[in-house]
C-alpha atoms as a PDB file:
ATOM      1  CA  UNK A   1     116.340 130.833  96.267  1.00  0.00           C
ATOM      2  CA  UNK A   2     114.811 130.522  99.704  1.00  0.00           C
ATOM      3  CA  UNK A   3     117.007 128.631 102.122  1.00  0.00           C
ATOM      4  CA  UNK A   4     115.730 125.781 104.223  1.00  0.00           C
ATOM      5  CA  UNK A   5     116.564 127.621 107.456  1.00  0.00           C
ATOM      6  CA  UNK A   6     114.365 130.554 106.428  1.00  0.00           C
ATOM      7  CA  UNK A   7     111.598 128.251 105.254  1.00  0.00           C
ATOM      8  CA  UNK A   8     111.696 126.248 108.503  1.00  0.00           C
ATOM      9  CA  UNK A   9     111.555 129.419 110.627  1.00  0.00           C
ATOM     10  CA  UNK A  10     108.650 130.773 108.595  1.00  0.00           C
ATOM     11  CA  UNK A  11     106.803 127.437 108.781  1.00  0.00           C
ATOM     12  CA  UNK A  12     107.121 127.343 112.581  1.00  0.00           C
ATOM     13  CA  UNK A  13     105.962 130.951 112.830  1.00  0.00           C
ATOM     14  CA  UNK A  14     102.971 130.326 110.574  1.00  0.00           C
ATOM     15  CA  UNK A  15     102.003 127.171 112.458  1.00  0.00           C
ATOM     16  CA  UNK A  16     102.120 128.967 115.801  1.00  0.00           C
ATOM     17  CA  UNK A  17     100.076 131.858 114.426  1.00  0.00           C
ATOM     18  CA  UNK A  18      97.458 129.476 113.021  1.00  0.00           C
ATOM     19  CA  UNK A  19      97.308 127.610 116.340  1.00  0.00           C
ATOM     20  CA  UNK A  20      96.908 130.918 118.177  1.00  0.00           C
ATOM     21  CA  UNK A  21      93.999 131.974 115.952  1.00  0.00           C
ATOM     22  CA  UNK A  22      92.286 128.586 116.426  1.00  0.00           C
ATOM     23  CA  UNK A  23      92.699 128.814 120.206  1.00  0.00           C
ATOM     24  CA  UNK A  24      91.399 132.383 120.147  1.00  0.00           C
ATOM     25  CA  UNK A  25      88.321 131.224 118.229  1.00  0.00           C
ATOM     26  CA  UNK A  26      87.693 128.503 120.802  1.00  0.00           C
ATOM     27  CA  UNK A  27      88.318 130.594 123.918  1.00  0.00           C
ATOM     28  CA  UNK A  28      86.783 133.956 122.965  1.00  0.00           C
ATOM     29  CA  UNK A  29      82.991 133.869 122.636  1.00  0.00           C
ATOM     30  CA  UNK A  30      82.334 137.375 121.297  1.00  0.00           C
ATOM     31  CA  UNK A  31      82.859 138.058 117.594  1.00  0.00           C
ATOM     32  CA  UNK A  32      84.265 141.583 117.894  1.00  0.00           C
ATOM     33  CA  UNK A  33      86.653 140.691 120.702  1.00  0.00           C
ATOM     34  CA  UNK A  34      87.822 137.688 118.694  1.00  0.00           C
ATOM     35  CA  UNK A  35      88.221 139.860 115.588  1.00  0.00           C
ATOM     36  CA  UNK A  36      90.354 142.345 117.539  1.00  0.00           C
ATOM     37  CA  UNK A  37      92.594 139.684 119.080  1.00  0.00           C
ATOM     38  CA  UNK A  38      92.900 137.752 115.796  1.00  0.00           C
ATOM     39  CA  UNK A  39      93.746 141.003 114.015  1.00  0.00           C
ATOM     40  CA  UNK A  40      96.542 141.666 116.487  1.00  0.00           C
ATOM     41  CA  UNK A  41      97.831 138.117 116.032  1.00  0.00           C
ATOM     42  CA  UNK A  42      97.769 138.388 112.247  1.00  0.00           C
ATOM     43  CA  UNK A  43      99.413 141.806 112.404  1.00  0.00           C
ATOM     44  CA  UNK A  44     102.250 140.423 114.512  1.00  0.00           C
ATOM     45  CA  UNK A  45     102.596 137.529 112.065  1.00  0.00           C
ATOM     46  CA  UNK A  46     102.955 139.979 109.173  1.00  0.00           C
ATOM     47  CA  UNK A  47     105.556 142.067 111.013  1.00  0.00           C
ATOM     48  CA  UNK A  48     107.641 139.048 112.032  1.00  0.00           C
ATOM     49  CA  UNK A  49     107.360 137.545 108.534  1.00  0.00           C
ATOM     50  CA  UNK A  50     108.604 140.818 107.026  1.00  0.00           C
ATOM     51  CA  UNK A  51     111.504 140.872 109.491  1.00  0.00           C
ATOM     52  CA  UNK A  52     112.423 137.277 108.630  1.00  0.00           C
ATOM     53  CA  UNK A  53     112.291 138.056 104.917  1.00  0.00           C
ATOM     54  CA  UNK A  54     114.425 141.166 105.391  1.00  0.00           C
ATOM     55  CA  UNK A  55     116.991 139.215 107.391  1.00  0.00           C
ATOM     56  CA  UNK A  56     117.075 136.473 104.763  1.00  0.00           C
ATOM     57  CA  UNK A  57     117.563 139.007 101.953  1.00  0.00           C
ATOM     58  CA  UNK A  58     120.343 140.750 103.879  1.00  0.00           C
ATOM     59  CA  UNK A  59     122.167 137.466 104.358  1.00  0.00           C
ATOM     60  CA  UNK A  60     121.644 136.568 100.694  1.00  0.00           C
ATOM     61  CA  UNK A  61     123.271 139.895  99.776  1.00  0.00           C
ATOM     62  CA  UNK A  62     126.305 139.008 101.880  1.00  0.00           C
ATOM     63  CA  UNK A  63     125.639 141.041 105.008  1.00  0.00           C
ATOM     64  CA  UNK A  64     126.323 139.112 108.199  1.00  0.00           C
ATOM     65  CA  UNK A  65     126.026 140.907 111.489  1.00  0.00           C
ATOM     66  CA  UNK A  66     127.537 139.367 114.532  1.00  0.00           C
ATOM     67  CA  UNK A  67     128.346 140.346 118.048  1.00  0.00           C
ATOM     68  CA  UNK A  68     132.066 140.550 118.539  1.00  0.00           C
ATOM     69  CA  UNK A  69     133.988 141.011 121.707  1.00  0.00           C
ATOM     70  CA  UNK A  70     136.017 144.165 122.031  1.00  0.00           C
ATOM     71  CA  UNK A  71     139.571 143.362 122.980  1.00  0.00           C
ATOM     72  CA  UNK A  72     141.483 145.855 125.047  1.00  0.00           C
ATOM     73  CA  UNK A  73     145.207 146.345 124.889  1.00  0.00           C
ATOM     74  CA  UNK A  74     146.694 145.347 128.182  1.00  0.00           C
ATOM     75  CA  UNK A  75     150.090 146.834 127.564  1.00  0.00           C
END
């Protein structure tokens, strides 16, 4: 089951990517330049979506990574 935190992160990411593509369409007059920039944007969206999904699956499997402080013996 997809958690709400994952779904919210993915929704924000997708909304920003869609907004970026719309702004690119408005600001870039040439078709091929727009296609290149939109392709890069969509490629980044796919990579970040895959990373979010991988992180969600890792947490669902019980893996939790965290930064811990290393304590030194002061004796």
